[in-house]
Amino acid sequence: MVQTRILIVEDEVIIAEDIRKSLLNMGYIVPSVVSSGEAAIKKVKELIPDLVLMDIMLDGKIDGIDAASQIRSLYNIPVVYLTAYSDGKILERAKITEPFGYIIKPFKERELQINIEMALYKHVVENQLKESRAFYESVLEGIVNGIWVTDKNDVIVYANKGMEKIIPKPIVGLQLLILLEFFKPYYLRAKESLQPFYYEAVPFVISNDGPNYQSGWLIPRIKDKNFNGMICTIESIHKHTQVE
């Protein structure tokens, strides 16, 4: 069984040693102990640990929160904060980095172990969800030219890469019936009937180079028998020529 490798970032030597001993007693591996944010980033790159225990208040140019932010964005390593401070402003800064745990000193070994195991589990689940989303997005890219999804308020919450060829500007977060007013009759037909509707040769006028005629499906998303959004696909594109 592969043991979990944990990097400790703590600038108080006695506390760092106590944490190191506790982790070893729990069966974890501690490949290194560092005392600054800069050293933490360097060691993460060198060692690629499974998890980082990060003190927030550190010596050096960057504190634990800034270091954790870079570690997460560059290396996708989960970080659990260790801090003696529960100040609201510090907590708000820490939350932005999406930590996998936040432990207030002093803490008990059992509390530390539970936070570590929960952080590791959460990280695995998060990676699985990312992989799953990437897989399904790649499938969607292969079977349709474009797809977008709206919520119950008709706001676009997802659009695949194929939509960029059809609408070459960001559309997520926009109200579909305002963005594509010409599409409104088809959209409302599917929304009001709560039944899938196949639209054919609808002229999408997005730019000044003339319409492209699109065909595809409008599939209502239903929750508790009520409209909860729409899945819209574009399955064929007919450049400047309407289908007879």
C-alpha atoms as a PDB file:
ATOM      1  CA  MET A   1       0.000   0.000   0.000  1.00  0.00           C
ATOM      2  CA  VAL A   2       1.386   3.401  -1.036  1.00  0.00           C
ATOM      3  CA  GLN A   3       1.799   5.723   1.935  1.00  0.00           C
ATOM      4  CA  THR A   4       0.590   9.318   1.815  1.00  0.00           C
ATOM      5  CA  ARG A   5       3.359  11.906   1.526  1.00  0.00           C
ATOM      6  CA  ILE A   6       2.700  15.182   3.368  1.00  0.00           C
ATOM      7  CA  LEU A   7       4.744  18.373   3.167  1.00  0.00           C
ATOM      8  CA  ILE A   8       4.746  20.505   6.326  1.00  0.00           C
ATOM      9  CA  VAL A   9       4.999  24.288   5.988  1.00  0.00           C
ATOM     10  CA  GLU A  10       5.514  25.790   9.445  1.00  0.00           C
ATOM     11  CA  ASP A  11       7.933  28.499  10.599  1.00  0.00           C
ATOM     12  CA  GLU A  12       7.889  27.594  14.303  1.00  0.00           C
ATOM     13  CA  VAL A  13      10.471  24.820  14.708  1.00  0.00           C
ATOM     14  CA  ILE A  14       8.993  23.177  17.805  1.00  0.00           C
ATOM     15  CA  ILE A  15       5.466  23.095  16.366  1.00  0.00           C
ATOM     16  CA  ALA A  16       6.769  21.775  13.037  1.00  0.00           C
ATOM     17  CA  GLU A  17       8.602  18.947  14.795  1.00  0.00           C
ATOM     18  CA  ASP A  18       5.536  18.041  16.850  1.00  0.00           C
ATOM     19  CA  ILE A  19       3.435  17.871  13.687  1.00  0.00           C
ATOM     20  CA  ARG A  20       6.092  15.796  11.929  1.00  0.00           C
ATOM     21  CA  LYS A  21       6.179  13.260  14.771  1.00  0.00           C
ATOM     22  CA  SER A  22       2.388  13.090  14.867  1.00  0.00           C
ATOM     23  CA  LEU A  23       2.196  12.412  11.142  1.00  0.00           C
ATOM     24  CA  LEU A  24       4.848   9.685  11.353  1.00  0.00           C
ATOM     25  CA  ASN A  25       2.922   8.054  14.214  1.00  0.00           C
ATOM     26  CA  MET A  26      -0.196   8.062  12.036  1.00  0.00           C
ATOM     27  CA  GLY A  27       1.662   6.237   9.268  1.00  0.00           C
ATOM     28  CA  TYR A  28       2.204   9.137   6.891  1.00  0.00           C
ATOM     29  CA  ILE A  29       5.500  10.024   5.205  1.00  0.00           C
ATOM     30  CA  VAL A  30       6.932  13.517   5.734  1.00  0.00           C
ATOM     31  CA  PRO A  31       9.449  14.090   2.917  1.00  0.00           C
ATOM     32  CA  SER A  32      10.275  17.637   4.013  1.00  0.00           C
ATOM     33  CA  VAL A  33       9.524  20.454   6.450  1.00  0.00           C
ATOM     34  CA  VAL A  34       9.899  24.057   5.243  1.00  0.00           C
ATOM     35  CA  SER A  35       9.325  27.417   6.896  1.00  0.00           C
ATOM     36  CA  SER A  36       8.353  29.841   4.107  1.00  0.00           C
ATOM     37  CA  GLY A  37       5.874  30.148   1.274  1.00  0.00           C
ATOM     38  CA  GLU A  38       8.638  30.418  -1.302  1.00  0.00           C
ATOM     39  CA  ALA A  39      10.275  27.217  -0.041  1.00  0.00           C
ATOM     40  CA  ALA A  40       6.897  25.464  -0.015  1.00  0.00           C
ATOM     41  CA  ILE A  41       6.300  26.172  -3.713  1.00  0.00           C
ATOM     42  CA  LYS A  42       9.820  25.008  -4.569  1.00  0.00           C
ATOM     43  CA  LYS A  43       9.466  21.787  -2.563  1.00  0.00           C
ATOM     44  CA  VAL A  44       6.058  20.973  -4.009  1.00  0.00           C
ATOM     45  CA  LYS A  45       7.536  21.223  -7.505  1.00  0.00           C
ATOM     46  CA  GLU A  46      10.439  19.001  -6.465  1.00  0.00           C
ATOM     47  CA  LEU A  47       8.591  16.381  -4.403  1.00  0.00           C
ATOM     48  CA  ILE A  48       4.966  16.428  -5.673  1.00  0.00           C
ATOM     49  CA  PRO A  49       3.518  15.462  -2.272  1.00  0.00           C
ATOM     50  CA  ASP A  50      -0.006  14.123  -1.834  1.00  0.00           C
ATOM     51  CA  LEU A  51      -0.974  16.949   0.513  1.00  0.00           C
ATOM     52  CA  VAL A  52       0.416  20.139   2.074  1.00  0.00           C
ATOM     53  CA  LEU A  53      -0.147  21.218   5.675  1.00  0.00           C
ATOM     54  CA  MET A  54       0.226  24.983   5.429  1.00  0.00           C
ATOM     55  CA  ASP A  55       0.617  27.499   8.248  1.00  0.00           C
ATOM     56  CA  ILE A  56      -0.952  30.789   7.170  1.00  0.00           C
ATOM     57  CA  MET A  57       1.371  33.239   8.932  1.00  0.00           C
ATOM     58  CA  LEU A  58       4.857  32.643   7.522  1.00  0.00           C
ATOM     59  CA  ASP A  59       8.123  34.515   7.243  1.00  0.00           C
ATOM     60  CA  GLY A  60       9.096  35.685   3.778  1.00  0.00           C
ATOM     61  CA  LYS A  61       7.558  37.715   0.975  1.00  0.00           C
ATOM     62  CA  ILE A  62       4.430  35.560   0.611  1.00  0.00           C
ATOM     63  CA  ASP A  63       2.240  34.084   3.323  1.00  0.00           C
ATOM     64  CA  GLY A  64       0.624  30.666   3.432  1.00  0.00           C
ATOM     65  CA  ILE A  65      -2.492  31.775   1.587  1.00  0.00           C
ATOM     66  CA  ASP A  66      -0.537  33.133  -1.390  1.00  0.00           C
ATOM     67  CA  ALA A  67       1.641  30.020  -1.422  1.00  0.00           C
ATOM     68  CA  ALA A  68      -1.410  27.735  -1.289  1.00  0.00           C
ATOM     69  CA  SER A  69      -3.020  29.587  -4.185  1.00  0.00           C
ATOM     70  CA  GLN A  70       0.041  29.042  -6.384  1.00  0.00           C
ATOM     71  CA  ILE A  71       0.406  25.406  -5.325  1.00  0.00           C
ATOM     72  CA  ARG A  72      -3.206  24.654  -6.176  1.00  0.00           C
ATOM     73  CA  SER A  73      -3.147  26.395  -9.557  1.00  0.00           C
ATOM     74  CA  LEU A  74       0.259  25.085 -10.642  1.00  0.00           C
ATOM     75  CA  TYR A  75       0.303  21.561  -9.229  1.00  0.00           C
ATOM     76  CA  ASN A  76      -3.267  20.681  -8.179  1.00  0.00           C
ATOM     77  CA  ILE A  77      -2.067  19.585  -4.727  1.00  0.00           C
ATOM     78  CA  PRO A  78      -4.619  19.762  -1.865  1.00  0.00           C
ATOM     79  CA  VAL A  79      -3.772  22.173   0.959  1.00  0.00           C
ATOM     80  CA  VAL A  80      -4.966  22.053   4.563  1.00  0.00           C
ATOM     81  CA  TYR A  81      -4.402  25.259   6.536  1.00  0.00           C
ATOM     82  CA  LEU A  82      -2.982  25.240  10.047  1.00  0.00           C
ATOM     83  CA  THR A  83      -3.391  28.533  11.869  1.00  0.00           C
ATOM     84  CA  ALA A  84      -3.722  30.117  15.277  1.00  0.00           C
ATOM     85  CA  TYR A  85      -5.869  32.848  13.738  1.00  0.00           C
ATOM     86  CA  SER A  86      -9.598  32.730  13.075  1.00  0.00           C
ATOM     87  CA  ASP A  87      -9.868  36.369  11.980  1.00  0.00           C
ATOM     88  CA  GLY A  88     -12.692  36.983   9.503  1.00  0.00           C
ATOM     89  CA  LYS A  89     -10.518  38.731   6.919  1.00  0.00           C
ATOM     90  CA  ILE A  90      -7.942  35.945   6.976  1.00  0.00           C
ATOM     91  CA  LEU A  91     -10.682  33.343   6.641  1.00  0.00           C
ATOM     92  CA  GLU A  92     -12.183  35.149   3.642  1.00  0.00           C
ATOM     93  CA  ARG A  93      -8.791  35.244   1.909  1.00  0.00           C
ATOM     94  CA  ALA A  94      -8.247  31.588   2.688  1.00  0.00           C
ATOM     95  CA  LYS A  95     -11.650  30.588   1.295  1.00  0.00           C
ATOM     96  CA  ILE A  96     -10.799  32.055  -2.103  1.00  0.00           C
ATOM     97  CA  THR A  97      -8.000  29.484  -2.501  1.00  0.00           C
ATOM     98  CA  GLU A  98     -10.522  26.644  -1.984  1.00  0.00           C
ATOM     99  CA  PRO A  99      -8.588  24.834   0.770  1.00  0.00           C
ATOM    100  CA  PHE A 100      -9.335  21.218   1.634  1.00  0.00           C
ATOM    101  CA  GLY A 101      -9.305  21.943   5.374  1.00  0.00           C
ATOM    102  CA  TYR A 102      -8.816  24.685   7.957  1.00  0.00           C
ATOM    103  CA  ILE A 103      -7.555  23.690  11.415  1.00  0.00           C
ATOM    104  CA  ILE A 104      -7.254  26.109  14.330  1.00  0.00           C
ATOM    105  CA  LYS A 105      -4.252  25.639  16.609  1.00  0.00           C
ATOM    106  CA  PRO A 106      -3.917  24.024  19.068  1.00  0.00           C
ATOM    107  CA  PHE A 107      -5.466  20.848  17.724  1.00  0.00           C
ATOM    108  CA  LYS A 108      -5.552  17.174  18.645  1.00  0.00           C
ATOM    109  CA  GLU A 109      -3.955  14.401  16.594  1.00  0.00           C
ATOM    110  CA  ARG A 110      -7.323  12.860  15.828  1.00  0.00           C
ATOM    111  CA  GLU A 111      -8.618  16.164  14.472  1.00  0.00           C
ATOM    112  CA  LEU A 112      -5.542  16.481  12.284  1.00  0.00           C
ATOM    113  CA  GLN A 113      -5.898  12.949  10.937  1.00  0.00           C
ATOM    114  CA  ILE A 114      -9.598  13.357  10.164  1.00  0.00           C
ATOM    115  CA  ASN A 115      -8.922  16.584   8.250  1.00  0.00           C
ATOM    116  CA  ILE A 116      -6.119  14.958   6.285  1.00  0.00           C
ATOM    117  CA  GLU A 117      -8.181  11.920   5.307  1.00  0.00           C
ATOM    118  CA  MET A 118     -11.178  14.055   4.367  1.00  0.00           C
ATOM    119  CA  ALA A 119      -8.952  16.325   2.268  1.00  0.00           C
ATOM    120  CA  LEU A 120      -7.417  13.366   0.428  1.00  0.00           C
ATOM    121  CA  TYR A 121     -10.848  11.864  -0.243  1.00  0.00           C
ATOM    122  CA  LYS A 122     -12.264  15.197  -1.431  1.00  0.00           C
ATOM    123  CA  HIS A 123      -9.290  15.637  -3.767  1.00  0.00           C
ATOM    124  CA  VAL A 124      -9.835  12.193  -5.325  1.00  0.00           C
ATOM    125  CA  VAL A 125     -13.544  12.894  -5.867  1.00  0.00           C
ATOM    126  CA  GLU A 126     -12.805  16.321  -7.336  1.00  0.00           C
ATOM    127  CA  ASN A 127     -10.329  14.839  -9.821  1.00  0.00           C
ATOM    128  CA  GLN A 128     -12.795  12.113 -10.792  1.00  0.00           C
ATOM    129  CA  LEU A 129     -15.476  14.722 -11.471  1.00  0.00           C
ATOM    130  CA  LYS A 130     -13.052  16.726 -13.632  1.00  0.00           C
ATOM    131  CA  GLU A 131     -12.122  13.615 -15.597  1.00  0.00           C
ATOM    132  CA  SER A 132     -15.769  12.673 -16.007  1.00  0.00           C
ATOM    133  CA  ARG A 133     -16.676  16.139 -17.252  1.00  0.00           C
ATOM    134  CA  ALA A 134     -13.744  16.154 -19.669  1.00  0.00           C
ATOM    135  CA  PHE A 135     -14.812  12.741 -21.005  1.00  0.00           C
ATOM    136  CA  TYR A 136     -18.423  13.735 -21.616  1.00  0.00           C
ATOM    137  CA  GLU A 137     -17.390  17.053 -23.144  1.00  0.00           C
ATOM    138  CA  SER A 138     -15.110  15.203 -25.579  1.00  0.00           C
ATOM    139  CA  VAL A 139     -18.022  12.910 -26.495  1.00  0.00           C
ATOM    140  CA  LEU A 140     -20.316  15.884 -27.071  1.00  0.00           C
ATOM    141  CA  GLU A 141     -17.694  17.561 -29.242  1.00  0.00           C
ATOM    142  CA  GLY A 142     -17.620  14.450 -31.407  1.00  0.00           C
ATOM    143  CA  ILE A 143     -21.326  13.861 -31.934  1.00  0.00           C
ATOM    144  CA  VAL A 144     -22.718  17.376 -32.356  1.00  0.00           C
ATOM    145  CA  ASN A 145     -21.470  20.627 -33.853  1.00  0.00           C
ATOM    146  CA  GLY A 146     -22.695  22.718 -30.958  1.00  0.00           C
ATOM    147  CA  ILE A 147     -24.500  22.322 -27.683  1.00  0.00           C
ATOM    148  CA  TRP A 148     -25.593  24.711 -24.963  1.00  0.00           C
ATOM    149  CA  VAL A 149     -27.624  24.275 -21.806  1.00  0.00           C
ATOM    150  CA  THR A 150     -29.872  26.783 -20.050  1.00  0.00           C
ATOM    151  CA  ASP A 151     -31.241  26.877 -16.509  1.00  0.00           C
ATOM    152  CA  LYS A 152     -34.875  27.354 -15.480  1.00  0.00           C
ATOM    153  CA  ASN A 153     -34.503  31.113 -16.057  1.00  0.00           C
ATOM    154  CA  ASP A 154     -33.274  30.565 -19.639  1.00  0.00           C
ATOM    155  CA  VAL A 155     -29.740  31.666 -18.762  1.00  0.00           C
ATOM    156  CA  ILE A 156     -26.994  29.778 -20.606  1.00  0.00           C
ATOM    157  CA  VAL A 157     -24.957  27.805 -18.059  1.00  0.00           C
ATOM    158  CA  TYR A 158     -22.875  25.656 -20.420  1.00  0.00           C
ATOM    159  CA  ALA A 159     -21.665  25.800 -24.019  1.00  0.00           C
ATOM    160  CA  ASN A 160     -19.226  23.439 -25.728  1.00  0.00           C
ATOM    161  CA  LYS A 161     -16.313  24.467 -27.917  1.00  0.00           C
ATOM    162  CA  GLY A 162     -18.308  23.859 -31.060  1.00  0.00           C
ATOM    163  CA  MET A 163     -20.498  26.821 -30.169  1.00  0.00           C
ATOM    164  CA  GLU A 164     -17.503  29.128 -30.607  1.00  0.00           C
ATOM    165  CA  LYS A 165     -17.616  28.448 -34.352  1.00  0.00           C
ATOM    166  CA  ILE A 166     -21.284  29.378 -34.461  1.00  0.00           C
ATOM    167  CA  ILE A 167     -21.331  32.236 -31.954  1.00  0.00           C
ATOM    168  CA  PRO A 168     -17.749  33.582 -31.704  1.00  0.00           C
ATOM    169  CA  LYS A 169     -18.166  35.325 -28.353  1.00  0.00           C
ATOM    170  CA  PRO A 170     -18.721  34.249 -24.715  1.00  0.00           C
ATOM    171  CA  ILE A 171     -22.355  33.249 -24.156  1.00  0.00           C
ATOM    172  CA  VAL A 172     -22.325  31.510 -20.763  1.00  0.00           C
ATOM    173  CA  GLY A 173     -24.209  33.655 -18.269  1.00  0.00           C
ATOM    174  CA  LEU A 174     -26.322  35.383 -20.909  1.00  0.00           C
ATOM    175  CA  GLN A 175     -30.096  35.184 -21.327  1.00  0.00           C
ATOM    176  CA  LEU A 176     -30.689  32.997 -24.379  1.00  0.00           C
ATOM    177  CA  LEU A 177     -33.948  34.630 -25.442  1.00  0.00           C
ATOM    178  CA  ILE A 178     -32.197  38.011 -25.549  1.00  0.00           C
ATOM    179  CA  LEU A 179     -29.003  36.733 -27.174  1.00  0.00           C
ATOM    180  CA  LEU A 180     -30.855  34.716 -29.828  1.00  0.00           C
ATOM    181  CA  GLU A 181     -34.205  36.469 -30.145  1.00  0.00           C
ATOM    182  CA  PHE A 182     -34.819  34.891 -33.564  1.00  0.00           C
ATOM    183  CA  PHE A 183     -34.645  31.488 -31.850  1.00  0.00           C
ATOM    184  CA  LYS A 184     -37.357  32.370 -29.342  1.00  0.00           C
ATOM    185  CA  PRO A 185     -40.391  30.726 -31.086  1.00  0.00           C
ATOM    186  CA  TYR A 186     -38.647  27.332 -31.289  1.00  0.00           C
ATOM    187  CA  TYR A 187     -37.312  27.530 -27.750  1.00  0.00           C
ATOM    188  CA  LEU A 188     -40.690  28.496 -26.270  1.00  0.00           C
ATOM    189  CA  ARG A 189     -42.437  25.702 -28.166  1.00  0.00           C
ATOM    190  CA  ALA A 190     -40.247  23.102 -26.466  1.00  0.00           C
ATOM    191  CA  LYS A 191     -40.364  24.914 -23.116  1.00  0.00           C
ATOM    192  CA  GLU A 192     -44.148  25.221 -22.986  1.00  0.00           C
ATOM    193  CA  SER A 193     -44.865  21.700 -24.215  1.00  0.00           C
ATOM    194  CA  LEU A 194     -42.079  20.106 -22.128  1.00  0.00           C
ATOM    195  CA  GLN A 195     -41.479  17.890 -25.159  1.00  0.00           C
ATOM    196  CA  PRO A 196     -38.342  17.518 -27.332  1.00  0.00           C
ATOM    197  CA  PHE A 197     -38.572  19.577 -30.497  1.00  0.00           C
ATOM    198  CA  TYR A 198     -36.510  19.192 -33.667  1.00  0.00           C
ATOM    199  CA  TYR A 199     -35.897  22.523 -35.397  1.00  0.00           C
ATOM    200  CA  GLU A 200     -34.723  22.513 -38.989  1.00  0.00           C
ATOM    201  CA  ALA A 201     -32.956  25.075 -41.154  1.00  0.00           C
ATOM    202  CA  VAL A 202     -33.305  27.947 -38.720  1.00  0.00           C
ATOM    203  CA  PRO A 203     -31.306  31.000 -39.904  1.00  0.00           C
ATOM    204  CA  PHE A 204     -28.777  32.010 -37.256  1.00  0.00           C
ATOM    205  CA  VAL A 205     -27.789  35.607 -38.041  1.00  0.00           C
ATOM    206  CA  ILE A 206     -24.784  36.251 -35.802  1.00  0.00           C
ATOM    207  CA  SER A 207     -22.547  38.451 -37.967  1.00  0.00           C
ATOM    208  CA  ASN A 208     -22.731  40.560 -41.124  1.00  0.00           C
ATOM    209  CA  ASP A 209     -21.672  37.731 -43.449  1.00  0.00           C
ATOM    210  CA  GLY A 210     -25.221  36.386 -43.796  1.00  0.00           C
ATOM    211  CA  PRO A 211     -27.183  33.651 -42.029  1.00  0.00           C
ATOM    212  CA  ASN A 212     -26.114  30.077 -41.453  1.00  0.00           C
ATOM    213  CA  TYR A 213     -29.008  27.632 -41.357  1.00  0.00           C
ATOM    214  CA  GLN A 214     -28.869  25.316 -38.346  1.00  0.00           C
ATOM    215  CA  SER A 215     -30.767  22.167 -37.462  1.00  0.00           C
ATOM    216  CA  GLY A 216     -30.894  20.317 -34.158  1.00  0.00           C
ATOM    217  CA  TRP A 217     -32.836  19.423 -31.044  1.00  0.00           C
ATOM    218  CA  LEU A 218     -34.349  21.348 -28.148  1.00  0.00           C
ATOM    219  CA  ILE A 219     -34.743  19.001 -25.181  1.00  0.00           C
ATOM    220  CA  PRO A 220     -36.425  20.340 -22.028  1.00  0.00           C
ATOM    221  CA  ARG A 221     -34.845  19.509 -18.679  1.00  0.00           C
ATOM    222  CA  ILE A 222     -37.633  18.543 -16.306  1.00  0.00           C
ATOM    223  CA  LYS A 223     -37.560  18.470 -12.493  1.00  0.00           C
ATOM    224  CA  ASP A 224     -40.642  17.619 -10.432  1.00  0.00           C
ATOM    225  CA  LYS A 225     -42.699  17.883 -13.636  1.00  0.00           C
ATOM    226  CA  ASN A 226     -41.607  21.518 -14.101  1.00  0.00           C
ATOM    227  CA  PHE A 227     -39.305  23.180 -16.630  1.00  0.00           C
ATOM    228  CA  ASN A 228     -35.743  23.261 -15.283  1.00  0.00           C
ATOM    229  CA  GLY A 229     -33.819  24.423 -18.346  1.00  0.00           C
ATOM    230  CA  MET A 230     -33.079  23.326 -21.887  1.00  0.00           C
ATOM    231  CA  ILE A 231     -30.488  21.249 -23.715  1.00  0.00           C
ATOM    232  CA  CYS A 232     -30.006  22.734 -27.180  1.00  0.00           C
ATOM    233  CA  THR A 233     -28.016  20.935 -29.855  1.00  0.00           C
ATOM    234  CA  ILE A 234     -26.862  21.945 -33.308  1.00  0.00           C
ATOM    235  CA  GLU A 235     -26.396  18.807 -35.378  1.00  0.00           C
ATOM    236  CA  SER A 236     -26.020  20.233 -38.866  1.00  0.00           C
ATOM    237  CA  ILE A 237     -24.974  23.503 -40.431  1.00  0.00           C
ATOM    238  CA  HIS A 238     -25.936  24.657 -43.925  1.00  0.00           C
ATOM    239  CA  LYS A 239     -23.874  27.643 -44.996  1.00  0.00           C
ATOM    240  CA  HIS A 240     -26.011  30.392 -46.543  1.00  0.00           C
ATOM    241  CA  THR A 241     -28.404  27.864 -48.057  1.00  0.00           C
ATOM    242  CA  GLN A 242     -31.736  27.037 -46.496  1.00  0.00           C
ATOM    243  CA  VAL A 243     -32.787  23.381 -46.494  1.00  0.00           C
ATOM    244  CA  GLU A 244     -35.819  22.772 -48.681  1.00  0.00           C
END
